[in-house]
Amino acid sequence: MSTDSQFETIDVALIGSGVMSANLGALLKCLDPNLKIELYEVTDELSKESSNGWNNAGTGHAGICELSYTPDRGPDGEVDVSKAVEIFEQFEQTKQFWAHAVRTGMIDNPSEFIQPV
């Protein structure tokens, strides 16, 4: 039987080392630098599943190159690109956040973190 004294108290548990956990962890630390955040990953290396460039489109989810964000033509022949535009806008906001992270020193060496495709 386990006791509470065996477990360290944390504020946030992030499951998986992909882009979603990286973004959420960084944003939470900006909001509250005193948060105790733990990340749990089942693989031997970080970001080797869905966030790995070989396992996705590698576009940073900008919505520019991913046809799944634009449905087939409607009855009038037009293609609704609103979802692709929304994804692109979110990607631009993400780039602004990571630029802020570089400027403020949250990221020591951006060339190891931000990779052009």
PDB file of N, CA and C in Angstrom:
ATOM      1  N   MET A   1       0.845  -1.179   0.000  1.00  0.00           N
ATOM      2  CA  MET A   1       0.000   0.000   0.000  1.00  0.00           C
ATOM      3  C   MET A   1       0.889   1.241   0.000  1.00  0.00           C
ATOM      4  N   SER A   2       0.592   2.177  -0.869  1.00  0.00           N
ATOM      5  CA  SER A   2       1.409   3.388  -0.960  1.00  0.00           C
ATOM      6  C   SER A   2       0.855   4.461  -0.031  1.00  0.00           C
ATOM      7  N   THR A   3       1.747   5.345   0.356  1.00  0.00           N
ATOM      8  CA  THR A   3       1.328   6.471   1.197  1.00  0.00           C
ATOM      9  C   THR A   3       1.588   7.763   0.451  1.00  0.00           C
ATOM     10  N   ASP A   4       0.913   8.822   0.864  1.00  0.00           N
ATOM     11  CA  ASP A   4       1.072  10.118   0.211  1.00  0.00           C
ATOM     12  C   ASP A   4       2.501  10.632   0.290  1.00  0.00           C
ATOM     13  N   SER A   5       3.239  10.243   1.326  1.00  0.00           N
ATOM     14  CA  SER A   5       4.603  10.749   1.488  1.00  0.00           C
ATOM     15  C   SER A   5       5.543  10.238   0.401  1.00  0.00           C
ATOM     16  N   GLN A   6       5.129   9.235  -0.368  1.00  0.00           N
ATOM     17  CA  GLN A   6       5.965   8.701  -1.439  1.00  0.00           C
ATOM     18  C   GLN A   6       5.922   9.575  -2.689  1.00  0.00           C
ATOM     19  N   PHE A   7       4.952  10.435  -2.791  1.00  0.00           N
ATOM     20  CA  PHE A   7       4.746  11.192  -4.009  1.00  0.00           C
ATOM     21  C   PHE A   7       5.066  12.664  -3.802  1.00  0.00           C
ATOM     22  N   GLU A   8       5.775  13.224  -4.769  1.00  0.00           N
ATOM     23  CA  GLU A   8       6.081  14.654  -4.742  1.00  0.00           C
ATOM     24  C   GLU A   8       4.883  15.408  -5.308  1.00  0.00           C
ATOM     25  N   THR A   9       4.555  16.522  -4.725  1.00  0.00           N
ATOM     26  CA  THR A   9       3.434  17.320  -5.203  1.00  0.00           C
ATOM     27  C   THR A   9       3.872  18.141  -6.405  1.00  0.00           C
ATOM     28  N   ILE A  10       3.082  18.058  -7.464  1.00  0.00           N
ATOM     29  CA  ILE A  10       3.317  18.882  -8.655  1.00  0.00           C
ATOM     30  C   ILE A  10       2.036  19.640  -8.961  1.00  0.00           C
ATOM     31  N   ASP A  11       2.173  20.706  -9.740  1.00  0.00           N
ATOM     32  CA  ASP A  11       1.001  21.491 -10.128  1.00  0.00           C
ATOM     33  C   ASP A  11       0.414  21.018 -11.452  1.00  0.00           C
ATOM     34  N   VAL A  12       1.292  20.625 -12.383  1.00  0.00           N
ATOM     35  CA  VAL A  12       0.858  20.254 -13.726  1.00  0.00           C
ATOM     36  C   VAL A  12       1.631  19.022 -14.171  1.00  0.00           C
ATOM     37  N   ALA A  13       0.919  18.037 -14.705  1.00  0.00           N
ATOM     38  CA  ALA A  13       1.553  16.870 -15.318  1.00  0.00           C
ATOM     39  C   ALA A  13       1.289  16.927 -16.816  1.00  0.00           C
ATOM     40  N   LEU A  14       2.349  17.001 -17.606  1.00  0.00           N
ATOM     41  CA  LEU A  14       2.230  16.995 -19.061  1.00  0.00           C
ATOM     42  C   LEU A  14       2.531  15.583 -19.542  1.00  0.00           C
ATOM     43  N   ILE A  15       1.640  15.025 -20.342  1.00  0.00           N
ATOM     44  CA  ILE A  15       1.802  13.665 -20.834  1.00  0.00           C
ATOM     45  C   ILE A  15       2.213  13.732 -22.296  1.00  0.00           C
ATOM     46  N   GLY A  16       3.431  13.278 -22.580  1.00  0.00           N
ATOM     47  CA  GLY A  16       3.972  13.312 -23.935  1.00  0.00           C
ATOM     48  C   GLY A  16       4.835  14.537 -24.142  1.00  0.00           C
ATOM     49  N   SER A  17       5.913  14.365 -24.896  1.00  0.00           N
ATOM     50  CA  SER A  17       6.890  15.451 -25.076  1.00  0.00           C
ATOM     51  C   SER A  17       6.749  16.160 -26.413  1.00  0.00           C
ATOM     52  N   GLY A  18       5.572  16.096 -26.990  1.00  0.00           N
ATOM     53  CA  GLY A  18       5.364  16.722 -28.287  1.00  0.00           C
ATOM     54  C   GLY A  18       5.115  18.215 -28.214  1.00  0.00           C
ATOM     55  N   VAL A  19       4.737  18.758 -29.348  1.00  0.00           N
ATOM     56  CA  VAL A  19       4.578  20.199 -29.492  1.00  0.00           C
ATOM     57  C   VAL A  19       3.478  20.754 -28.581  1.00  0.00           C
ATOM     58  N   MET A  20       2.430  19.989 -28.354  1.00  0.00           N
ATOM     59  CA  MET A  20       1.349  20.482 -27.496  1.00  0.00           C
ATOM     60  C   MET A  20       1.830  20.646 -26.055  1.00  0.00           C
ATOM     61  N   SER A  21       2.545  19.655 -25.536  1.00  0.00           N
ATOM     62  CA  SER A  21       3.074  19.770 -24.171  1.00  0.00           C
ATOM     63  C   SER A  21       4.108  20.876 -24.073  1.00  0.00           C
ATOM     64  N   ALA A  22       4.950  21.008 -25.100  1.00  0.00           N
ATOM     65  CA  ALA A  22       5.975  22.062 -25.087  1.00  0.00           C
ATOM     66  C   ALA A  22       5.325  23.440 -25.030  1.00  0.00           C
ATOM     67  N   ASN A  23       4.326  23.652 -25.866  1.00  0.00           N
ATOM     68  CA  ASN A  23       3.637  24.943 -25.879  1.00  0.00           C
ATOM     69  C   ASN A  23       2.894  25.197 -24.575  1.00  0.00           C
ATOM     70  N   LEU A  24       2.150  24.207 -24.107  1.00  0.00           N
ATOM     71  CA  LEU A  24       1.379  24.387 -22.880  1.00  0.00           C
ATOM     72  C   LEU A  24       2.305  24.645 -21.695  1.00  0.00           C
ATOM     73  N   GLY A  25       3.372  23.872 -21.578  1.00  0.00           N
ATOM     74  CA  GLY A  25       4.315  24.071 -20.479  1.00  0.00           C
ATOM     75  C   GLY A  25       4.938  25.453 -20.499  1.00  0.00           C
ATOM     76  N   ALA A  26       5.345  25.898 -21.685  1.00  0.00           N
ATOM     77  CA  ALA A  26       5.961  27.224 -21.806  1.00  0.00           C
ATOM     78  C   ALA A  26       4.968  28.333 -21.466  1.00  0.00           C
ATOM     79  N   LEU A  27       3.744  28.221 -21.964  1.00  0.00           N
ATOM     80  CA  LEU A  27       2.732  29.236 -21.665  1.00  0.00           C
ATOM     81  C   LEU A  27       2.403  29.274 -20.174  1.00  0.00           C
ATOM     82  N   LEU A  28       2.260  28.099 -19.569  1.00  0.00           N
ATOM     83  CA  LEU A  28       1.955  28.059 -18.135  1.00  0.00           C
ATOM     84  C   LEU A  28       3.079  28.673 -17.308  1.00  0.00           C
ATOM     85  N   LYS A  29       4.335  28.423 -17.689  1.00  0.00           N
ATOM     86  CA  LYS A  29       5.469  29.009 -16.966  1.00  0.00           C
ATOM     87  C   LYS A  29       5.490  30.527 -17.119  1.00  0.00           C
ATOM     88  N   CYS A  30       5.058  31.030 -18.282  1.00  0.00           N
ATOM     89  CA  CYS A  30       4.959  32.487 -18.458  1.00  0.00           C
ATOM     90  C   CYS A  30       3.904  33.068 -17.520  1.00  0.00           C
ATOM     91  N   LEU A  31       2.792  32.365 -17.390  1.00  0.00           N
ATOM     92  CA  LEU A  31       1.711  32.846 -16.533  1.00  0.00           C
ATOM     93  C   LEU A  31       2.065  32.741 -15.054  1.00  0.00           C
ATOM     94  N   ASP A  32       2.767  31.663 -14.699  1.00  0.00           N
ATOM     95  CA  ASP A  32       3.136  31.466 -13.292  1.00  0.00           C
ATOM     96  C   ASP A  32       4.485  30.753 -13.225  1.00  0.00           C
ATOM     97  N   PRO A  33       5.581  31.504 -13.119  1.00  0.00           N
ATOM     98  CA  PRO A  33       6.921  30.907 -13.097  1.00  0.00           C
ATOM     99  C   PRO A  33       7.151  29.951 -11.925  1.00  0.00           C
ATOM    100  N   ASN A  34       6.302  29.998 -10.906  1.00  0.00           N
ATOM    101  CA  ASN A  34       6.488  29.137  -9.736  1.00  0.00           C
ATOM    102  C   ASN A  34       5.824  27.772  -9.861  1.00  0.00           C
ATOM    103  N   LEU A  35       5.116  27.530 -10.965  1.00  0.00           N
ATOM    104  CA  LEU A  35       4.463  26.235 -11.135  1.00  0.00           C
ATOM    105  C   LEU A  35       5.494  25.113 -11.173  1.00  0.00           C
ATOM    106  N   LYS A  36       5.171  24.006 -10.535  1.00  0.00           N
ATOM    107  CA  LYS A  36       5.994  22.794 -10.607  1.00  0.00           C
ATOM    108  C   LYS A  36       5.383  21.933 -11.699  1.00  0.00           C
ATOM    109  N   ILE A  37       6.087  21.830 -12.833  1.00  0.00           N
ATOM    110  CA  ILE A  37       5.589  21.099 -13.993  1.00  0.00           C
ATOM    111  C   ILE A  37       6.466  19.875 -14.215  1.00  0.00           C
ATOM    112  N   GLU A  38       5.838  18.725 -14.399  1.00  0.00           N
ATOM    113  CA  GLU A  38       6.543  17.485 -14.729  1.00  0.00           C
ATOM    114  C   GLU A  38       6.047  17.008 -16.086  1.00  0.00           C
ATOM    115  N   LEU A  39       6.965  16.515 -16.900  1.00  0.00           N
ATOM    116  CA  LEU A  39       6.621  15.979 -18.213  1.00  0.00           C
ATOM    117  C   LEU A  39       6.922  14.487 -18.204  1.00  0.00           C
ATOM    118  N   TYR A  40       5.991  13.701 -18.696  1.00  0.00           N
ATOM    119  CA  TYR A  40       6.148  12.248 -18.745  1.00  0.00           C
ATOM    120  C   TYR A  40       6.118  11.795 -20.198  1.00  0.00           C
ATOM    121  N   GLU A  41       7.113  11.020 -20.588  1.00  0.00           N
ATOM    122  CA  GLU A  41       7.236  10.529 -21.965  1.00  0.00           C
ATOM    123  C   GLU A  41       7.554   9.040 -21.921  1.00  0.00           C
ATOM    124  N   VAL A  42       6.868   8.258 -22.738  1.00  0.00           N
ATOM    125  CA  VAL A  42       7.061   6.812 -22.739  1.00  0.00           C
ATOM    126  C   VAL A  42       8.228   6.383 -23.641  1.00  0.00           C
ATOM    127  N   THR A  43       8.565   7.190 -24.656  1.00  0.00           N
ATOM    128  CA  THR A  43       9.633   6.805 -25.580  1.00  0.00           C
ATOM    129  C   THR A  43      10.999   7.197 -25.021  1.00  0.00           C
ATOM    130  N   ASP A  44      12.045   6.669 -25.644  1.00  0.00           N
ATOM    131  CA  ASP A  44      13.415   6.950 -25.203  1.00  0.00           C
ATOM    132  C   ASP A  44      13.877   8.356 -25.552  1.00  0.00           C
ATOM    133  N   GLU A  45      13.254   8.973 -26.570  1.00  0.00           N
ATOM    134  CA  GLU A  45      13.646  10.310 -27.011  1.00  0.00           C
ATOM    135  C   GLU A  45      12.427  11.227 -27.010  1.00  0.00           C
ATOM    136  N   LEU A  46      12.697  12.534 -26.991  1.00  0.00           N
ATOM    137  CA  LEU A  46      11.614  13.514 -26.967  1.00  0.00           C
ATOM    138  C   LEU A  46      11.037  13.744 -28.361  1.00  0.00           C
ATOM    139  N   SER A  47       9.759  13.979 -28.421  1.00  0.00           N
ATOM    140  CA  SER A  47       9.047  14.367 -29.652  1.00  0.00           C
ATOM    141  C   SER A  47       9.290  13.417 -30.811  1.00  0.00           C
ATOM    142  N   LYS A  48       9.211  12.138 -30.571  1.00  0.00           N
ATOM    143  CA  LYS A  48       9.476  11.167 -31.629  1.00  0.00           C
ATOM    144  C   LYS A  48       8.213  10.560 -32.218  1.00  0.00           C
ATOM    145  N   GLU A  49       7.066  11.017 -31.809  1.00  0.00           N
ATOM    146  CA  GLU A  49       5.841  10.463 -32.369  1.00  0.00           C
ATOM    147  C   GLU A  49       5.191  11.488 -33.293  1.00  0.00           C
ATOM    148  N   SER A  50       4.014  11.983 -32.976  1.00  0.00           N
ATOM    149  CA  SER A  50       3.282  12.877 -33.882  1.00  0.00           C
ATOM    150  C   SER A  50       4.015  14.174 -34.180  1.00  0.00           C
ATOM    151  N   SER A  51       4.792  14.700 -33.234  1.00  0.00           N
ATOM    152  CA  SER A  51       5.488  15.970 -33.451  1.00  0.00           C
ATOM    153  C   SER A  51       6.760  15.822 -34.271  1.00  0.00           C
ATOM    154  N   ASN A  52       7.195  14.603 -34.511  1.00  0.00           N
ATOM    155  CA  ASN A  52       8.381  14.367 -35.328  1.00  0.00           C
ATOM    156  C   ASN A  52       8.072  14.731 -36.779  1.00  0.00           C
ATOM    157  N   GLY A  53       8.958  15.487 -37.406  1.00  0.00           N
ATOM    158  CA  GLY A  53       8.743  15.937 -38.783  1.00  0.00           C
ATOM    159  C   GLY A  53       8.547  14.818 -39.784  1.00  0.00           C
ATOM    160  N   TRP A  54       9.098  13.636 -39.511  1.00  0.00           N
ATOM    161  CA  TRP A  54       8.924  12.499 -40.424  1.00  0.00           C
ATOM    162  C   TRP A  54       7.548  11.869 -40.278  1.00  0.00           C
ATOM    163  N   ASN A  55       6.842  12.174 -39.203  1.00  0.00           N
ATOM    164  CA  ASN A  55       5.537  11.573 -38.953  1.00  0.00           C
ATOM    165  C   ASN A  55       4.376  12.516 -39.233  1.00  0.00           C
ATOM    166  N   ASN A  56       4.669  13.746 -39.617  1.00  0.00           N
ATOM    167  CA  ASN A  56       3.594  14.675 -39.973  1.00  0.00           C
ATOM    168  C   ASN A  56       4.030  15.471 -41.197  1.00  0.00           C
ATOM    169  N   ALA A  57       3.251  16.434 -41.579  1.00  0.00           N
ATOM    170  CA  ALA A  57       3.553  17.185 -42.796  1.00  0.00           C
ATOM    171  C   ALA A  57       4.783  18.066 -42.650  1.00  0.00           C
ATOM    172  N   GLY A  58       5.219  18.315 -41.428  1.00  0.00           N
ATOM    173  CA  GLY A  58       6.403  19.137 -41.208  1.00  0.00           C
ATOM    174  C   GLY A  58       6.195  20.606 -41.513  1.00  0.00           C
ATOM    175  N   THR A  59       4.948  21.034 -41.599  1.00  0.00           N
ATOM    176  CA  THR A  59       4.664  22.427 -41.947  1.00  0.00           C
ATOM    177  C   THR A  59       4.491  23.304 -40.726  1.00  0.00           C
ATOM    178  N   GLY A  60       4.633  22.735 -39.540  1.00  0.00           N
ATOM    179  CA  GLY A  60       4.357  23.509 -38.335  1.00  0.00           C
ATOM    180  C   GLY A  60       2.870  23.738 -38.160  1.00  0.00           C
ATOM    181  N   HIS A  61       2.080  22.982 -38.884  1.00  0.00           N
ATOM    182  CA  HIS A  61       0.629  23.088 -38.817  1.00  0.00           C
ATOM    183  C   HIS A  61       0.160  24.493 -39.191  1.00  0.00           C
ATOM    184  N   ALA A  62       0.798  25.076 -40.179  1.00  0.00           N
ATOM    185  CA  ALA A  62       0.445  26.417 -40.623  1.00  0.00           C
ATOM    186  C   ALA A  62      -0.845  26.434 -41.429  1.00  0.00           C
ATOM    187  N   GLY A  63      -1.319  25.290 -41.856  1.00  0.00           N
ATOM    188  CA  GLY A  63      -2.545  25.251 -42.634  1.00  0.00           C
ATOM    189  C   GLY A  63      -2.332  25.575 -44.100  1.00  0.00           C
ATOM    190  N   ILE A  64      -1.113  25.911 -44.484  1.00  0.00           N
ATOM    191  CA  ILE A  64      -0.849  26.300 -45.866  1.00  0.00           C
ATOM    192  C   ILE A  64      -0.816  25.090 -46.781  1.00  0.00           C
ATOM    193  N   CYS A  65      -0.202  24.026 -46.332  1.00  0.00           N
ATOM    194  CA  CYS A  65       0.048  22.866 -47.183  1.00  0.00           C
ATOM    195  C   CYS A  65      -0.845  21.682 -46.873  1.00  0.00           C
ATOM    196  N   GLU A  66      -1.725  21.799 -45.934  1.00  0.00           N
ATOM    197  CA  GLU A  66      -2.499  20.645 -45.513  1.00  0.00           C
ATOM    198  C   GLU A  66      -3.916  20.738 -46.061  1.00  0.00           C
ATOM    199  N   LEU A  67      -4.184  19.912 -47.051  1.00  0.00           N
ATOM    200  CA  LEU A  67      -5.474  19.966 -47.735  1.00  0.00           C
ATOM    201  C   LEU A  67      -6.630  19.544 -46.840  1.00  0.00           C
ATOM    202  N   SER A  68      -6.348  18.866 -45.735  1.00  0.00           N
ATOM    203  CA  SER A  68      -7.433  18.449 -44.845  1.00  0.00           C
ATOM    204  C   SER A  68      -8.140  19.643 -44.214  1.00  0.00           C
ATOM    205  N   TYR A  69      -7.526  20.825 -44.286  1.00  0.00           N
ATOM    206  CA  TYR A  69      -8.160  22.015 -43.721  1.00  0.00           C
ATOM    207  C   TYR A  69      -9.091  22.697 -44.721  1.00  0.00           C
ATOM    208  N   THR A  70      -9.129  22.220 -45.940  1.00  0.00           N
ATOM    209  CA  THR A  70     -10.049  22.783 -46.930  1.00  0.00           C
ATOM    210  C   THR A  70     -10.918  21.652 -47.473  1.00  0.00           C
ATOM    211  N   PRO A  71     -12.204  21.706 -47.217  1.00  0.00           N
ATOM    212  CA  PRO A  71     -13.092  20.640 -47.692  1.00  0.00           C
ATOM    213  C   PRO A  71     -13.231  20.678 -49.208  1.00  0.00           C
ATOM    214  N   ASP A  72     -13.860  19.638 -49.725  1.00  0.00           N
ATOM    215  CA  ASP A  72     -14.124  19.602 -51.165  1.00  0.00           C
ATOM    216  C   ASP A  72     -14.994  20.787 -51.562  1.00  0.00           C
ATOM    217  N   ARG A  73     -15.032  21.041 -52.847  1.00  0.00           N
ATOM    218  CA  ARG A  73     -15.843  22.153 -53.359  1.00  0.00           C
ATOM    219  C   ARG A  73     -17.302  21.988 -52.950  1.00  0.00           C
ATOM    220  N   GLY A  74     -17.908  23.112 -52.627  1.00  0.00           N
ATOM    221  CA  GLY A  74     -19.322  23.115 -52.277  1.00  0.00           C
ATOM    222  C   GLY A  74     -20.177  23.066 -53.530  1.00  0.00           C
ATOM    223  N   PRO A  75     -21.487  23.055 -53.366  1.00  0.00           N
ATOM    224  CA  PRO A  75     -22.403  22.986 -54.509  1.00  0.00           C
ATOM    225  C   PRO A  75     -22.221  24.148 -55.481  1.00  0.00           C
ATOM    226  N   ASP A  76     -21.752  25.286 -54.962  1.00  0.00           N
ATOM    227  CA  ASP A  76     -21.552  26.452 -55.822  1.00  0.00           C
ATOM    228  C   ASP A  76     -20.166  26.462 -56.467  1.00  0.00           C
ATOM    229  N   GLY A  77     -19.344  25.423 -56.197  1.00  0.00           N
ATOM    230  CA  GLY A  77     -18.008  25.345 -56.786  1.00  0.00           C
ATOM    231  C   GLY A  77     -16.928  26.040 -55.983  1.00  0.00           C
ATOM    232  N   GLU A  78     -17.303  26.725 -54.923  1.00  0.00           N
ATOM    233  CA  GLU A  78     -16.324  27.440 -54.098  1.00  0.00           C
ATOM    234  C   GLU A  78     -15.725  26.511 -53.049  1.00  0.00           C
ATOM    235  N   VAL A  79     -14.497  26.816 -52.656  1.00  0.00           N
ATOM    236  CA  VAL A  79     -13.820  26.070 -51.597  1.00  0.00           C
ATOM    237  C   VAL A  79     -13.747  26.961 -50.367  1.00  0.00           C
ATOM    238  N   ASP A  80     -14.255  26.454 -49.251  1.00  0.00           N
ATOM    239  CA  ASP A  80     -14.231  27.201 -47.994  1.00  0.00           C
ATOM    240  C   ASP A  80     -12.834  27.087 -47.387  1.00  0.00           C
ATOM    241  N   VAL A  81     -12.101  28.181 -47.342  1.00  0.00           N
ATOM    242  CA  VAL A  81     -10.734  28.180 -46.813  1.00  0.00           C
ATOM    243  C   VAL A  81     -10.668  28.774 -45.407  1.00  0.00           C
ATOM    244  N   SER A  82     -11.825  29.001 -44.780  1.00  0.00           N
ATOM    245  CA  SER A  82     -11.831  29.674 -43.478  1.00  0.00           C
ATOM    246  C   SER A  82     -11.053  28.890 -42.421  1.00  0.00           C
ATOM    247  N   LYS A  83     -11.146  27.554 -42.426  1.00  0.00           N
ATOM    248  CA  LYS A  83     -10.408  26.759 -41.438  1.00  0.00           C
ATOM    249  C   LYS A  83      -8.901  26.885 -41.678  1.00  0.00           C
ATOM    250  N   ALA A  84      -8.459  26.852 -42.930  1.00  0.00           N
ATOM    251  CA  ALA A  84      -7.038  27.007 -43.245  1.00  0.00           C
ATOM    252  C   ALA A  84      -6.535  28.378 -42.809  1.00  0.00           C
ATOM    253  N   VAL A  85      -7.335  29.408 -43.009  1.00  0.00           N
ATOM    254  CA  VAL A  85      -6.954  30.763 -42.587  1.00  0.00           C
ATOM    255  C   VAL A  85      -6.856  30.825 -41.063  1.00  0.00           C
ATOM    256  N   GLU A  86      -7.798  30.198 -40.367  1.00  0.00           N
ATOM    257  CA  GLU A  86      -7.768  30.173 -38.901  1.00  0.00           C
ATOM    258  C   GLU A  86      -6.503  29.466 -38.392  1.00  0.00           C
ATOM    259  N   ILE A  87      -6.160  28.325 -38.988  1.00  0.00           N
ATOM    260  CA  ILE A  87      -4.958  27.584 -38.583  1.00  0.00           C
ATOM    261  C   ILE A  87      -3.721  28.426 -38.855  1.00  0.00           C
ATOM    262  N   PHE A  88      -3.679  29.093 -40.007  1.00  0.00           N
ATOM    263  CA  PHE A  88      -2.533  29.944 -40.349  1.00  0.00           C
ATOM    264  C   PHE A  88      -2.374  31.073 -39.332  1.00  0.00           C
ATOM    265  N   GLU A  89      -3.482  31.704 -38.948  1.00  0.00           N
ATOM    266  CA  GLU A  89      -3.428  32.794 -37.962  1.00  0.00           C
ATOM    267  C   GLU A  89      -2.907  32.282 -36.618  1.00  0.00           C
ATOM    268  N   GLN A  90      -3.348  31.097 -36.212  1.00  0.00           N
ATOM    269  CA  GLN A  90      -2.862  30.517 -34.959  1.00  0.00           C
ATOM    270  C   GLN A  90      -1.366  30.218 -35.045  1.00  0.00           C
ATOM    271  N   PHE A  91      -0.916  29.743 -36.202  1.00  0.00           N
ATOM    272  CA  PHE A  91       0.505  29.460 -36.387  1.00  0.00           C
ATOM    273  C   PHE A  91       1.315  30.752 -36.294  1.00  0.00           C
ATOM    274  N   GLU A  92       0.806  31.835 -36.869  1.00  0.00           N
ATOM    275  CA  GLU A  92       1.495  33.124 -36.780  1.00  0.00           C
ATOM    276  C   GLU A  92       1.590  33.588 -35.326  1.00  0.00           C
ATOM    277  N   GLN A  93       0.522  33.391 -34.554  1.00  0.00           N
ATOM    278  CA  GLN A  93       0.559  33.746 -33.132  1.00  0.00           C
ATOM    279  C   GLN A  93       1.583  32.897 -32.386  1.00  0.00           C
ATOM    280  N   THR A  94       1.668  31.625 -32.746  1.00  0.00           N
ATOM    281  CA  THR A  94       2.659  30.745 -32.124  1.00  0.00           C
ATOM    282  C   THR A  94       4.066  31.232 -32.412  1.00  0.00           C
ATOM    283  N   LYS A  95       4.323  31.643 -33.648  1.00  0.00           N
ATOM    284  CA  LYS A  95       5.659  32.158 -33.990  1.00  0.00           C
ATOM    285  C   LYS A  95       5.971  33.421 -33.189  1.00  0.00           C
ATOM    286  N   GLN A  96       4.970  34.265 -32.983  1.00  0.00           N
ATOM    287  CA  GLN A  96       5.182  35.468 -32.166  1.00  0.00           C
ATOM    288  C   GLN A  96       5.527  35.095 -30.729  1.00  0.00           C
ATOM    289  N   PHE A  97       4.855  34.083 -30.194  1.00  0.00           N
ATOM    290  CA  PHE A  97       5.151  33.652 -28.828  1.00  0.00           C
ATOM    291  C   PHE A  97       6.580  33.126 -28.731  1.00  0.00           C
ATOM    292  N   TRP A  98       7.008  32.301 -29.690  1.00  0.00           N
ATOM    293  CA  TRP A  98       8.362  31.736 -29.614  1.00  0.00           C
ATOM    294  C   TRP A  98       9.415  32.812 -29.867  1.00  0.00           C
ATOM    295  N   ALA A  99       9.107  33.829 -30.652  1.00  0.00           N
ATOM    296  CA  ALA A  99      10.034  34.963 -30.803  1.00  0.00           C
ATOM    297  C   ALA A  99      10.178  35.683 -29.466  1.00  0.00           C
ATOM    298  N   HIS A 100       9.067  35.842 -28.761  1.00  0.00           N
ATOM    299  CA  HIS A 100       9.103  36.428 -27.415  1.00  0.00           C
ATOM    300  C   HIS A 100       9.963  35.561 -26.488  1.00  0.00           C
ATOM    301  N   ALA A 101       9.814  34.246 -26.590  1.00  0.00           N
ATOM    302  CA  ALA A 101      10.587  33.333 -25.740  1.00  0.00           C
ATOM    303  C   ALA A 101      12.084  33.472 -25.997  1.00  0.00           C
ATOM    304  N   VAL A 102      12.466  33.707 -27.241  1.00  0.00           N
ATOM    305  CA  VAL A 102      13.886  33.914 -27.565  1.00  0.00           C
ATOM    306  C   VAL A 102      14.354  35.249 -26.993  1.00  0.00           C
ATOM    307  N   ARG A 103      13.562  36.321 -27.215  1.00  0.00           N
ATOM    308  CA  ARG A 103      13.938  37.658 -26.728  1.00  0.00           C
ATOM    309  C   ARG A 103      14.093  37.710 -25.217  1.00  0.00           C
ATOM    310  N   THR A 104      13.249  36.988 -24.508  1.00  0.00           N
ATOM    311  CA  THR A 104      13.269  37.055 -23.047  1.00  0.00           C
ATOM    312  C   THR A 104      14.203  36.033 -22.415  1.00  0.00           C
ATOM    313  N   GLY A 105      14.853  35.216 -23.236  1.00  0.00           N
ATOM    314  CA  GLY A 105      15.806  34.242 -22.708  1.00  0.00           C
ATOM    315  C   GLY A 105      15.194  32.939 -22.248  1.00  0.00           C
ATOM    316  N   MET A 106      13.912  32.736 -22.507  1.00  0.00           N
ATOM    317  CA  MET A 106      13.280  31.471 -22.150  1.00  0.00           C
ATOM    318  C   MET A 106      13.937  30.324 -22.922  1.00  0.00           C
ATOM    319  N   ILE A 107      14.373  30.636 -24.139  1.00  0.00           N
ATOM    320  CA  ILE A 107      15.088  29.668 -24.972  1.00  0.00           C
ATOM    321  C   ILE A 107      16.516  30.168 -25.115  1.00  0.00           C
ATOM    322  N   ASP A 108      17.470  29.358 -24.678  1.00  0.00           N
ATOM    323  CA  ASP A 108      18.873  29.766 -24.725  1.00  0.00           C
ATOM    324  C   ASP A 108      19.448  29.746 -26.133  1.00  0.00           C
ATOM    325  N   ASN A 109      19.194  28.690 -26.875  1.00  0.00           N
ATOM    326  CA  ASN A 109      19.780  28.527 -28.200  1.00  0.00           C
ATOM    327  C   ASN A 109      18.676  28.181 -29.194  1.00  0.00           C
ATOM    328  N   PRO A 110      18.058  29.185 -29.811  1.00  0.00           N
ATOM    329  CA  PRO A 110      16.915  28.914 -30.685  1.00  0.00           C
ATOM    330  C   PRO A 110      17.245  28.024 -31.878  1.00  0.00           C
ATOM    331  N   SER A 111      18.500  28.000 -32.318  1.00  0.00           N
ATOM    332  CA  SER A 111      18.834  27.154 -33.470  1.00  0.00           C
ATOM    333  C   SER A 111      18.693  25.671 -33.134  1.00  0.00           C
ATOM    334  N   GLU A 112      18.720  25.325 -31.860  1.00  0.00           N
ATOM    335  CA  GLU A 112      18.503  23.939 -31.459  1.00  0.00           C
ATOM    336  C   GLU A 112      17.018  23.624 -31.303  1.00  0.00           C
ATOM    337  N   PHE A 113      16.203  24.650 -31.253  1.00  0.00           N
ATOM    338  CA  PHE A 113      14.786  24.454 -30.977  1.00  0.00           C
ATOM    339  C   PHE A 113      13.915  24.737 -32.191  1.00  0.00           C
ATOM    340  N   ILE A 114      14.185  25.824 -32.889  1.00  0.00           N
ATOM    341  CA  ILE A 114      13.359  26.228 -34.026  1.00  0.00           C
ATOM    342  C   ILE A 114      14.069  25.805 -35.301  1.00  0.00           C
ATOM    343  N   GLN A 115      13.414  24.927 -36.066  1.00  0.00           N
ATOM    344  CA  GLN A 115      14.005  24.367 -37.270  1.00  0.00           C
ATOM    345  C   GLN A 115      13.198  24.788 -38.497  1.00  0.00           C
ATOM    346  N   PRO A 116      13.832  25.450 -39.469  1.00  0.00           N
ATOM    347  CA  PRO A 116      13.100  25.766 -40.700  1.00  0.00           C
ATOM    348  C   PRO A 116      12.860  24.497 -41.509  1.00  0.00           C
ATOM    349  N   VAL A 117      11.748  24.485 -42.248  1.00  0.00           N
ATOM    350  CA  VAL A 117      11.450  23.342 -43.114  1.00  0.00           C
ATOM    351  C   VAL A 117      11.390  23.787 -44.546  1.00  0.00           C
TER     352      VAL A 117
END
